[in-house]
Amino acid sequence: MYNDEVLTCKDCGAEFTFTASEQEFYAEKGFANKPGRCPQCRAARKNQTRSGSRYSREDRPMYDAVCSACGKDTKVPFKPSGDKPVYCNECFRSRKNNW
């Protein structure tokens, strides 16, 4: 049903084989697109993402705010506009568990 197919990596330009078994796996998972990267570039990109070289939570700007529930000073990852309540981590978690 599936035949091995030679593809070109969009990162390094090397040719790699998209095997029949890989094609079957992609079909089972419902993936519509063929892989654009060779296995080596896919692994390198995966490691790069895990090592935090891409945008991470630590890089996100934080804004000073006062918790609407307990009044404690806190930092939030969005600029408070004043029209909605802002909660510290503890109050947010306790309210989230009650939703």
PDB file of N, CA and C in Angstrom:
ATOM      1  N   MET A   1       0.816  -1.175   0.000  1.00  0.00           N
ATOM      2  CA  MET A   1       0.000   0.000   0.000  1.00  0.00           C
ATOM      3  C   MET A   1       0.875   1.260   0.000  1.00  0.00           C
ATOM      4  N   TYR A   2       1.900   1.310   0.866  1.00  0.00           N
ATOM      5  CA  TYR A   2       2.817   2.443   0.910  1.00  0.00           C
ATOM      6  C   TYR A   2       4.161   2.027   0.332  1.00  0.00           C
ATOM      7  N   ASN A   3       4.850   2.983  -0.298  1.00  0.00           N
ATOM      8  CA  ASN A   3       6.186   2.735  -0.846  1.00  0.00           C
ATOM      9  C   ASN A   3       7.152   3.743  -0.250  1.00  0.00           C
ATOM     10  N   ASP A   4       8.404   3.324  -0.040  1.00  0.00           N
ATOM     11  CA  ASP A   4       9.423   4.248   0.445  1.00  0.00           C
ATOM     12  C   ASP A   4       9.500   5.453  -0.495  1.00  0.00           C
ATOM     13  N   GLU A   5       9.723   6.622   0.086  1.00  0.00           N
ATOM     14  CA  GLU A   5       9.756   7.855  -0.684  1.00  0.00           C
ATOM     15  C   GLU A   5      10.961   8.677  -0.227  1.00  0.00           C
ATOM     16  N   VAL A   6      11.702   9.234  -1.167  1.00  0.00           N
ATOM     17  CA  VAL A   6      12.861  10.055  -0.839  1.00  0.00           C
ATOM     18  C   VAL A   6      12.404  11.509  -0.770  1.00  0.00           C
ATOM     19  N   LEU A   7      12.681  12.142   0.379  1.00  0.00           N
ATOM     20  CA  LEU A   7      12.314  13.537   0.605  1.00  0.00           C
ATOM     21  C   LEU A   7      13.572  14.358   0.861  1.00  0.00           C
ATOM     22  N   THR A   8      13.460  15.670   0.755  1.00  0.00           N
ATOM     23  CA  THR A   8      14.580  16.570   1.016  1.00  0.00           C
ATOM     24  C   THR A   8      14.286  17.381   2.273  1.00  0.00           C
ATOM     25  N   CYS A   9      15.255  17.397   3.190  1.00  0.00           N
ATOM     26  CA  CYS A   9      15.116  18.121   4.456  1.00  0.00           C
ATOM     27  C   CYS A   9      15.104  19.626   4.196  1.00  0.00           C
ATOM     28  N   LYS A  10      14.134  20.319   4.800  1.00  0.00           N
ATOM     29  CA  LYS A  10      14.035  21.766   4.598  1.00  0.00           C
ATOM     30  C   LYS A  10      15.064  22.543   5.403  1.00  0.00           C
ATOM     31  N   ASP A  11      15.720  21.884   6.382  1.00  0.00           N
ATOM     32  CA  ASP A  11      16.747  22.565   7.165  1.00  0.00           C
ATOM     33  C   ASP A  11      18.141  22.402   6.569  1.00  0.00           C
ATOM     34  N   CYS A  12      18.537  21.144   6.360  1.00  0.00           N
ATOM     35  CA  CYS A  12      19.918  20.899   5.912  1.00  0.00           C
ATOM     36  C   CYS A  12      20.041  20.554   4.432  1.00  0.00           C
ATOM     37  N   GLY A  13      18.917  20.282   3.769  1.00  0.00           N
ATOM     38  CA  GLY A  13      18.945  19.971   2.347  1.00  0.00           C
ATOM     39  C   GLY A  13      19.304  18.533   2.012  1.00  0.00           C
ATOM     40  N   ALA A  14      19.548  17.705   3.022  1.00  0.00           N
ATOM     41  CA  ALA A  14      19.898  16.310   2.781  1.00  0.00           C
ATOM     42  C   ALA A  14      18.663  15.506   2.392  1.00  0.00           C
ATOM     43  N   GLU A  15      18.893  14.481   1.586  1.00  0.00           N
ATOM     44  CA  GLU A  15      17.798  13.581   1.234  1.00  0.00           C
ATOM     45  C   GLU A  15      17.662  12.521   2.313  1.00  0.00           C
ATOM     46  N   PHE A  16      16.435  12.133   2.608  1.00  0.00           N
ATOM     47  CA  PHE A  16      16.175  11.064   3.570  1.00  0.00           C
ATOM     48  C   PHE A  16      14.988  10.256   3.093  1.00  0.00           C
ATOM     49  N   THR A  17      14.907   9.028   3.577  1.00  0.00           N
ATOM     50  CA  THR A  17      13.847   8.124   3.146  1.00  0.00           C
ATOM     51  C   THR A  17      12.680   8.165   4.123  1.00  0.00           C
ATOM     52  N   PHE A  18      11.513   8.421   3.590  1.00  0.00           N
ATOM     53  CA  PHE A  18      10.255   8.354   4.333  1.00  0.00           C
ATOM     54  C   PHE A  18       9.724   6.953   4.053  1.00  0.00           C
ATOM     55  N   THR A  19      10.009   6.033   4.984  1.00  0.00           N
ATOM     56  CA  THR A  19       9.730   4.619   4.741  1.00  0.00           C
ATOM     57  C   THR A  19       8.232   4.321   4.726  1.00  0.00           C
ATOM     58  N   ALA A  20       7.910   3.171   4.155  1.00  0.00           N
ATOM     59  CA  ALA A  20       6.513   2.740   4.095  1.00  0.00           C
ATOM     60  C   ALA A  20       5.932   2.590   5.495  1.00  0.00           C
ATOM     61  N   SER A  21       6.728   2.075   6.445  1.00  0.00           N
ATOM     62  CA  SER A  21       6.227   1.901   7.815  1.00  0.00           C
ATOM     63  C   SER A  21       6.002   3.257   8.484  1.00  0.00           C
ATOM     64  N   GLU A  22       6.867   4.242   8.205  1.00  0.00           N
ATOM     65  CA  GLU A  22       6.652   5.589   8.740  1.00  0.00           C
ATOM     66  C   GLU A  22       5.391   6.210   8.141  1.00  0.00           C
ATOM     67  N   GLN A  23       5.169   5.985   6.862  1.00  0.00           N
ATOM     68  CA  GLN A  23       3.969   6.510   6.208  1.00  0.00           C
ATOM     69  C   GLN A  23       2.712   5.896   6.821  1.00  0.00           C
ATOM     70  N   GLU A  24       2.788   4.612   7.114  1.00  0.00           N
ATOM     71  CA  GLU A  24       1.653   3.940   7.743  1.00  0.00           C
ATOM     72  C   GLU A  24       1.399   4.521   9.140  1.00  0.00           C
ATOM     73  N   PHE A  25       2.478   4.735   9.899  1.00  0.00           N
ATOM     74  CA  PHE A  25       2.361   5.344  11.223  1.00  0.00           C
ATOM     75  C   PHE A  25       1.717   6.723  11.123  1.00  0.00           C
ATOM     76  N   TYR A  26       2.188   7.565  10.177  1.00  0.00           N
ATOM     77  CA  TYR A  26       1.626   8.902   9.988  1.00  0.00           C
ATOM     78  C   TYR A  26       0.131   8.815   9.670  1.00  0.00           C
ATOM     79  N   ALA A  27      -0.237   7.858   8.819  1.00  0.00           N
ATOM     80  CA  ALA A  27      -1.644   7.695   8.438  1.00  0.00           C
ATOM     81  C   ALA A  27      -2.486   7.284   9.643  1.00  0.00           C
ATOM     82  N   GLU A  28      -1.964   6.368  10.475  1.00  0.00           N
ATOM     83  CA  GLU A  28      -2.688   5.920  11.671  1.00  0.00           C
ATOM     84  C   GLU A  28      -2.917   7.075  12.643  1.00  0.00           C
ATOM     85  N   LYS A  29      -1.950   7.971  12.759  1.00  0.00           N
ATOM     86  CA  LYS A  29      -2.052   9.111  13.668  1.00  0.00           C
ATOM     87  C   LYS A  29      -2.868  10.264  13.075  1.00  0.00           C
ATOM     88  N   GLY A  30      -3.195  10.162  11.794  1.00  0.00           N
ATOM     89  CA  GLY A  30      -3.987  11.198  11.148  1.00  0.00           C
ATOM     90  C   GLY A  30      -3.169  12.385  10.679  1.00  0.00           C
ATOM     91  N   PHE A  31      -1.848  12.222  10.589  1.00  0.00           N
ATOM     92  CA  PHE A  31      -0.997  13.309  10.115  1.00  0.00           C
ATOM     93  C   PHE A  31      -1.199  13.470   8.610  1.00  0.00           C
ATOM     94  N   ALA A  32      -1.480  14.682   8.165  1.00  0.00           N
ATOM     95  CA  ALA A  32      -1.757  14.932   6.758  1.00  0.00           C
ATOM     96  C   ALA A  32      -0.488  15.271   5.969  1.00  0.00           C
ATOM     97  N   ASN A  33       0.524  15.817   6.640  1.00  0.00           N
ATOM     98  CA  ASN A  33       1.735  16.265   5.941  1.00  0.00           C
ATOM     99  C   ASN A  33       2.882  15.281   6.098  1.00  0.00           C
ATOM    100  N   LYS A  34       3.724  15.247   5.093  1.00  0.00           N
ATOM    101  CA  LYS A  34       4.939  14.442   5.153  1.00  0.00           C
ATOM    102  C   LYS A  34       5.948  15.191   6.025  1.00  0.00           C
ATOM    103  N   PRO A  35       6.916  14.465   6.611  1.00  0.00           N
ATOM    104  CA  PRO A  35       7.921  15.170   7.419  1.00  0.00           C
ATOM    105  C   PRO A  35       8.747  16.108   6.542  1.00  0.00           C
ATOM    106  N   GLY A  36       9.040  17.282   7.065  1.00  0.00           N
ATOM    107  CA  GLY A  36       9.830  18.258   6.323  1.00  0.00           C
ATOM    108  C   GLY A  36      11.295  18.225   6.690  1.00  0.00           C
ATOM    109  N   ARG A  37      11.622  17.525   7.787  1.00  0.00           N
ATOM    110  CA  ARG A  37      13.005  17.465   8.256  1.00  0.00           C
ATOM    111  C   ARG A  37      13.482  16.022   8.318  1.00  0.00           C
ATOM    112  N   CYS A  38      14.776  15.831   8.095  1.00  0.00           N
ATOM    113  CA  CYS A  38      15.384  14.505   8.220  1.00  0.00           C
ATOM    114  C   CYS A  38      15.398  14.116   9.701  1.00  0.00           C
ATOM    115  N   PRO A  39      15.572  12.847  10.019  1.00  0.00           N
ATOM    116  CA  PRO A  39      15.574  12.425  11.423  1.00  0.00           C
ATOM    117  C   PRO A  39      16.598  13.173  12.289  1.00  0.00           C
ATOM    118  N   GLN A  40      17.768  13.479  11.739  1.00  0.00           N
ATOM    119  CA  GLN A  40      18.788  14.182  12.511  1.00  0.00           C
ATOM    120  C   GLN A  40      18.343  15.608  12.841  1.00  0.00           C
ATOM    121  N   CYS A  41      17.767  16.315  11.883  1.00  0.00           N
ATOM    122  CA  CYS A  41      17.304  17.687  12.128  1.00  0.00           C
ATOM    123  C   CYS A  41      16.086  17.698  13.040  1.00  0.00           C
ATOM    124  N   ARG A  42      15.220  16.675  12.928  1.00  0.00           N
ATOM    125  CA  ARG A  42      14.079  16.579  13.838  1.00  0.00           C
ATOM    126  C   ARG A  42      14.560  16.402  15.273  1.00  0.00           C
ATOM    127  N   ALA A  43      15.554  15.525  15.463  1.00  0.00           N
ATOM    128  CA  ALA A  43      16.093  15.282  16.806  1.00  0.00           C
ATOM    129  C   ALA A  43      16.775  16.543  17.347  1.00  0.00           C
ATOM    130  N   ALA A  44      17.529  17.232  16.498  1.00  0.00           N
ATOM    131  CA  ALA A  44      18.216  18.452  16.929  1.00  0.00           C
ATOM    132  C   ALA A  44      17.200  19.521  17.321  1.00  0.00           C
ATOM    133  N   ARG A  45      16.140  19.657  16.558  1.00  0.00           N
ATOM    134  CA  ARG A  45      15.102  20.650  16.866  1.00  0.00           C
ATOM    135  C   ARG A  45      14.380  20.297  18.159  1.00  0.00           C
ATOM    136  N   LYS A  46      14.127  19.017  18.361  1.00  0.00           N
ATOM    137  CA  LYS A  46      13.460  18.566  19.580  1.00  0.00           C
ATOM    138  C   LYS A  46      14.340  18.870  20.795  1.00  0.00           C
ATOM    139  N   ASN A  47      15.622  18.596  20.705  1.00  0.00           N
ATOM    140  CA  ASN A  47      16.550  18.882  21.803  1.00  0.00           C
ATOM    141  C   ASN A  47      16.678  20.380  22.048  1.00  0.00           C
ATOM    142  N   GLN A  48      16.668  21.163  20.980  1.00  0.00           N
ATOM    143  CA  GLN A  48      16.768  22.615  21.099  1.00  0.00           C
ATOM    144  C   GLN A  48      15.564  23.146  21.865  1.00  0.00           C
ATOM    145  N   THR A  49      14.388  22.643  21.574  1.00  0.00           N
ATOM    146  CA  THR A  49      13.169  23.078  22.247  1.00  0.00           C
ATOM    147  C   THR A  49      13.201  22.677  23.714  1.00  0.00           C
ATOM    148  N   ARG A  50      13.659  21.475  24.002  1.00  0.00           N
ATOM    149  CA  ARG A  50      13.715  21.000  25.391  1.00  0.00           C
ATOM    150  C   ARG A  50      14.739  21.746  26.218  1.00  0.00           C
ATOM    151  N   SER A  51      15.812  22.211  25.601  1.00  0.00           N
ATOM    152  CA  SER A  51      16.861  22.887  26.357  1.00  0.00           C
ATOM    153  C   SER A  51      16.491  24.325  26.686  1.00  0.00           C
ATOM    154  N   GLY A  52      15.335  24.768  26.218  1.00  0.00           N
ATOM    155  CA  GLY A  52      14.875  26.106  26.563  1.00  0.00           C
ATOM    156  C   GLY A  52      15.390  27.204  25.672  1.00  0.00           C
ATOM    157  N   SER A  53      15.954  26.860  24.520  1.00  0.00           N
ATOM    158  CA  SER A  53      16.466  27.902  23.649  1.00  0.00           C
ATOM    159  C   SER A  53      15.341  28.605  22.900  1.00  0.00           C
ATOM    160  N   ARG A  54      14.172  28.032  22.896  1.00  0.00           N
ATOM    161  CA  ARG A  54      13.011  28.706  22.329  1.00  0.00           C
ATOM    162  C   ARG A  54      12.334  29.508  23.442  1.00  0.00           C
ATOM    163  N   TYR A  55      11.343  30.277  23.105  1.00  0.00           N
ATOM    164  CA  TYR A  55      10.628  31.106  24.082  1.00  0.00           C
ATOM    165  C   TYR A  55      10.139  30.239  25.240  1.00  0.00           C
ATOM    166  N   SER A  56      10.423  30.666  26.444  1.00  0.00           N
ATOM    167  CA  SER A  56      10.003  29.903  27.613  1.00  0.00           C
ATOM    168  C   SER A  56       9.273  30.810  28.587  1.00  0.00           C
ATOM    169  N   ARG A  57       8.670  30.211  29.589  1.00  0.00           N
ATOM    170  CA  ARG A  57       7.925  30.979  30.585  1.00  0.00           C
ATOM    171  C   ARG A  57       8.828  31.975  31.317  1.00  0.00           C
ATOM    172  N   GLU A  58      10.096  31.616  31.517  1.00  0.00           N
ATOM    173  CA  GLU A  58      11.007  32.498  32.228  1.00  0.00           C
ATOM    174  C   GLU A  58      11.270  33.780  31.443  1.00  0.00           C
ATOM    175  N   ASP A  59      11.128  33.734  30.118  1.00  0.00           N
ATOM    176  CA  ASP A  59      11.385  34.904  29.274  1.00  0.00           C
ATOM    177  C   ASP A  59      10.194  35.858  29.227  1.00  0.00           C
ATOM    178  N   ARG A  60       9.051  35.427  29.706  1.00  0.00           N
ATOM    179  CA  ARG A  60       7.824  36.208  29.602  1.00  0.00           C
ATOM    180  C   ARG A  60       7.876  37.405  30.542  1.00  0.00           C
ATOM    181  N   PRO A  61       7.498  38.581  30.057  1.00  0.00           N
ATOM    182  CA  PRO A  61       7.480  39.751  30.962  1.00  0.00           C
ATOM    183  C   PRO A  61       6.389  39.591  32.013  1.00  0.00           C
ATOM    184  N   MET A  62       6.681  40.020  33.227  1.00  0.00           N
ATOM    185  CA  MET A  62       5.728  39.935  34.331  1.00  0.00           C
ATOM    186  C   MET A  62       5.388  41.348  34.794  1.00  0.00           C
ATOM    187  N   TYR A  63       4.162  41.507  35.279  1.00  0.00           N
ATOM    188  CA  TYR A  63       3.671  42.811  35.695  1.00  0.00           C
ATOM    189  C   TYR A  63       3.260  42.773  37.159  1.00  0.00           C
ATOM    190  N   ASP A  64       3.504  43.872  37.857  1.00  0.00           N
ATOM    191  CA  ASP A  64       3.108  43.987  39.255  1.00  0.00           C
ATOM    192  C   ASP A  64       1.595  44.149  39.348  1.00  0.00           C
ATOM    193  N   ALA A  65       1.012  43.501  40.363  1.00  0.00           N
ATOM    194  CA  ALA A  65      -0.430  43.594  40.589  1.00  0.00           C
ATOM    195  C   ALA A  65      -0.714  43.330  42.061  1.00  0.00           C
ATOM    196  N   VAL A  66      -1.923  43.596  42.463  1.00  0.00           N
ATOM    197  CA  VAL A  66      -2.393  43.303  43.818  1.00  0.00           C
ATOM    198  C   VAL A  66      -3.526  42.299  43.677  1.00  0.00           C
ATOM    199  N   CYS A  67      -3.447  41.192  44.413  1.00  0.00           N
ATOM    200  CA  CYS A  67      -4.459  40.142  44.349  1.00  0.00           C
ATOM    201  C   CYS A  67      -5.812  40.693  44.789  1.00  0.00           C
ATOM    202  N   SER A  68      -6.823  40.448  43.988  1.00  0.00           N
ATOM    203  CA  SER A  68      -8.179  40.928  44.287  1.00  0.00           C
ATOM    204  C   SER A  68      -8.824  40.177  45.441  1.00  0.00           C
ATOM    205  N   ALA A  69      -8.310  38.977  45.750  1.00  0.00           N
ATOM    206  CA  ALA A  69      -8.907  38.181  46.820  1.00  0.00           C
ATOM    207  C   ALA A  69      -8.243  38.431  48.170  1.00  0.00           C
ATOM    208  N   CYS A  70      -6.898  38.378  48.212  1.00  0.00           N
ATOM    209  CA  CYS A  70      -6.207  38.466  49.501  1.00  0.00           C
ATOM    210  C   CYS A  70      -5.438  39.772  49.708  1.00  0.00           C
ATOM    211  N   GLY A  71      -5.277  40.567  48.638  1.00  0.00           N
ATOM    212  CA  GLY A  71      -4.595  41.846  48.762  1.00  0.00           C
ATOM    213  C   GLY A  71      -3.081  41.773  48.720  1.00  0.00           C
ATOM    214  N   LYS A  72      -2.538  40.592  48.486  1.00  0.00           N
ATOM    215  CA  LYS A  72      -1.091  40.402  48.455  1.00  0.00           C
ATOM    216  C   LYS A  72      -0.508  40.936  47.140  1.00  0.00           C
ATOM    217  N   ASP A  73       0.703  41.522  47.203  1.00  0.00           N
ATOM    218  CA  ASP A  73       1.409  41.929  45.992  1.00  0.00           C
ATOM    219  C   ASP A  73       1.811  40.684  45.230  1.00  0.00           C
ATOM    220  N   THR A  74       1.663  40.709  43.918  1.00  0.00           N
ATOM    221  CA  THR A  74       1.983  39.547  43.090  1.00  0.00           C
ATOM    222  C   THR A  74       2.461  40.015  41.728  1.00  0.00           C
ATOM    223  N   LYS A  75       2.892  39.084  40.917  1.00  0.00           N
ATOM    224  CA  LYS A  75       3.286  39.362  39.536  1.00  0.00           C
ATOM    225  C   LYS A  75       2.449  38.461  38.637  1.00  0.00           C
ATOM    226  N   VAL A  76       2.005  39.028  37.516  1.00  0.00           N
ATOM    227  CA  VAL A  76       1.175  38.278  36.574  1.00  0.00           C
ATOM    228  C   VAL A  76       1.747  38.412  35.166  1.00  0.00           C
ATOM    229  N   PRO A  77       1.479  37.436  34.272  1.00  0.00           N
ATOM    230  CA  PRO A  77       2.058  37.455  32.924  1.00  0.00           C
ATOM    231  C   PRO A  77       1.271  38.292  31.920  1.00  0.00           C
ATOM    232  N   PHE A  78       0.456  39.221  32.403  1.00  0.00           N
ATOM    233  CA  PHE A  78      -0.309  40.100  31.527  1.00  0.00           C
ATOM    234  C   PHE A  78      -0.409  41.459  32.205  1.00  0.00           C
ATOM    235  N   LYS A  79      -0.641  42.480  31.424  1.00  0.00           N
ATOM    236  CA  LYS A  79      -0.751  43.824  31.997  1.00  0.00           C
ATOM    237  C   LYS A  79      -2.187  44.013  32.491  1.00  0.00           C
ATOM    238  N   PRO A  80      -2.373  44.119  33.798  1.00  0.00           N
ATOM    239  CA  PRO A  80      -3.729  44.281  34.332  1.00  0.00           C
ATOM    240  C   PRO A  80      -4.377  45.574  33.812  1.00  0.00           C
ATOM    241  N   SER A  81      -5.611  45.442  33.355  1.00  0.00           N
ATOM    242  CA  SER A  81      -6.309  46.606  32.804  1.00  0.00           C
ATOM    243  C   SER A  81      -7.200  47.279  33.833  1.00  0.00           C
ATOM    244  N   GLY A  82      -7.457  46.604  34.948  1.00  0.00           N
ATOM    245  CA  GLY A  82      -8.274  47.184  35.998  1.00  0.00           C
ATOM    246  C   GLY A  82      -9.749  46.845  35.901  1.00  0.00           C
ATOM    247  N   ASP A  83     -10.185  46.274  34.778  1.00  0.00           N
ATOM    248  CA  ASP A  83     -11.601  45.974  34.624  1.00  0.00           C
ATOM    249  C   ASP A  83     -11.963  44.543  35.047  1.00  0.00           C
ATOM    250  N   LYS A  84     -10.963  43.729  35.339  1.00  0.00           N
ATOM    251  CA  LYS A  84     -11.201  42.350  35.786  1.00  0.00           C
ATOM    252  C   LYS A  84     -10.345  42.071  37.016  1.00  0.00           C
ATOM    253  N   PRO A  85     -10.792  41.144  37.868  1.00  0.00           N
ATOM    254  CA  PRO A  85      -9.981  40.822  39.047  1.00  0.00           C
ATOM    255  C   PRO A  85      -8.683  40.115  38.664  1.00  0.00           C
ATOM    256  N   VAL A  86      -7.660  40.321  39.465  1.00  0.00           N
ATOM    257  CA  VAL A  86      -6.352  39.687  39.287  1.00  0.00           C
ATOM    258  C   VAL A  86      -6.053  38.926  40.568  1.00  0.00           C
ATOM    259  N   TYR A  87      -5.570  37.682  40.430  1.00  0.00           N
ATOM    260  CA  TYR A  87      -5.320  36.839  41.600  1.00  0.00           C
ATOM    261  C   TYR A  87      -3.863  36.409  41.665  1.00  0.00           C
ATOM    262  N   CYS A  88      -3.359  36.239  42.889  1.00  0.00           N
ATOM    263  CA  CYS A  88      -2.032  35.654  43.084  1.00  0.00           C
ATOM    264  C   CYS A  88      -2.137  34.168  42.752  1.00  0.00           C
ATOM    265  N   ASN A  89      -1.010  33.484  42.698  1.00  0.00           N
ATOM    266  CA  ASN A  89      -1.018  32.060  42.339  1.00  0.00           C
ATOM    267  C   ASN A  89      -1.892  31.228  43.267  1.00  0.00           C
ATOM    268  N   GLU A  90      -1.780  31.462  44.563  1.00  0.00           N
ATOM    269  CA  GLU A  90      -2.528  30.659  45.534  1.00  0.00           C
ATOM    270  C   GLU A  90      -4.034  30.867  45.384  1.00  0.00           C
ATOM    271  N   CYS A  91      -4.460  32.121  45.292  1.00  0.00           N
ATOM    272  CA  CYS A  91      -5.892  32.407  45.157  1.00  0.00           C
ATOM    273  C   CYS A  91      -6.421  31.925  43.805  1.00  0.00           C
ATOM    274  N   PHE A  92      -5.606  32.051  42.753  1.00  0.00           N
ATOM    275  CA  PHE A  92      -6.031  31.577  41.442  1.00  0.00           C
ATOM    276  C   PHE A  92      -6.251  30.070  41.473  1.00  0.00           C
ATOM    277  N   ARG A  93      -5.289  29.339  42.064  1.00  0.00           N
ATOM    278  CA  ARG A  93      -5.421  27.877  42.146  1.00  0.00           C
ATOM    279  C   ARG A  93      -6.657  27.475  42.950  1.00  0.00           C
ATOM    280  N   SER A  94      -6.898  28.135  44.076  1.00  0.00           N
ATOM    281  CA  SER A  94      -8.049  27.758  44.902  1.00  0.00           C
ATOM    282  C   SER A  94      -9.354  28.061  44.169  1.00  0.00           C
ATOM    283  N   ARG A  95      -9.414  29.147  43.443  1.00  0.00           N
ATOM    284  CA  ARG A  95     -10.620  29.463  42.681  1.00  0.00           C
ATOM    285  C   ARG A  95     -10.778  28.528  41.487  1.00  0.00           C
ATOM    286  N   LYS A  96      -9.674  28.175  40.848  1.00  0.00           N
ATOM    287  CA  LYS A  96      -9.712  27.283  39.680  1.00  0.00           C
ATOM    288  C   LYS A  96     -10.254  25.906  40.095  1.00  0.00           C
ATOM    289  N   ASN A  97      -9.866  25.432  41.266  1.00  0.00           N
ATOM    290  CA  ASN A  97     -10.344  24.125  41.753  1.00  0.00           C
ATOM    291  C   ASN A  97     -11.836  24.140  42.052  1.00  0.00           C
ATOM    292  N   ASN A  98     -12.406  25.310  42.280  1.00  0.00           N
ATOM    293  CA  ASN A  98     -13.838  25.417  42.563  1.00  0.00           C
ATOM    294  C   ASN A  98     -14.692  25.597  41.329  1.00  0.00           C
ATOM    295  N   TRP A  99     -14.079  25.770  40.149  1.00  0.00           N
ATOM    296  CA  TRP A  99     -14.851  25.984  38.919  1.00  0.00           C
ATOM    297  C   TRP A  99     -15.458  24.714  38.441  1.00  0.00           C
TER     298      TRP A  99
END
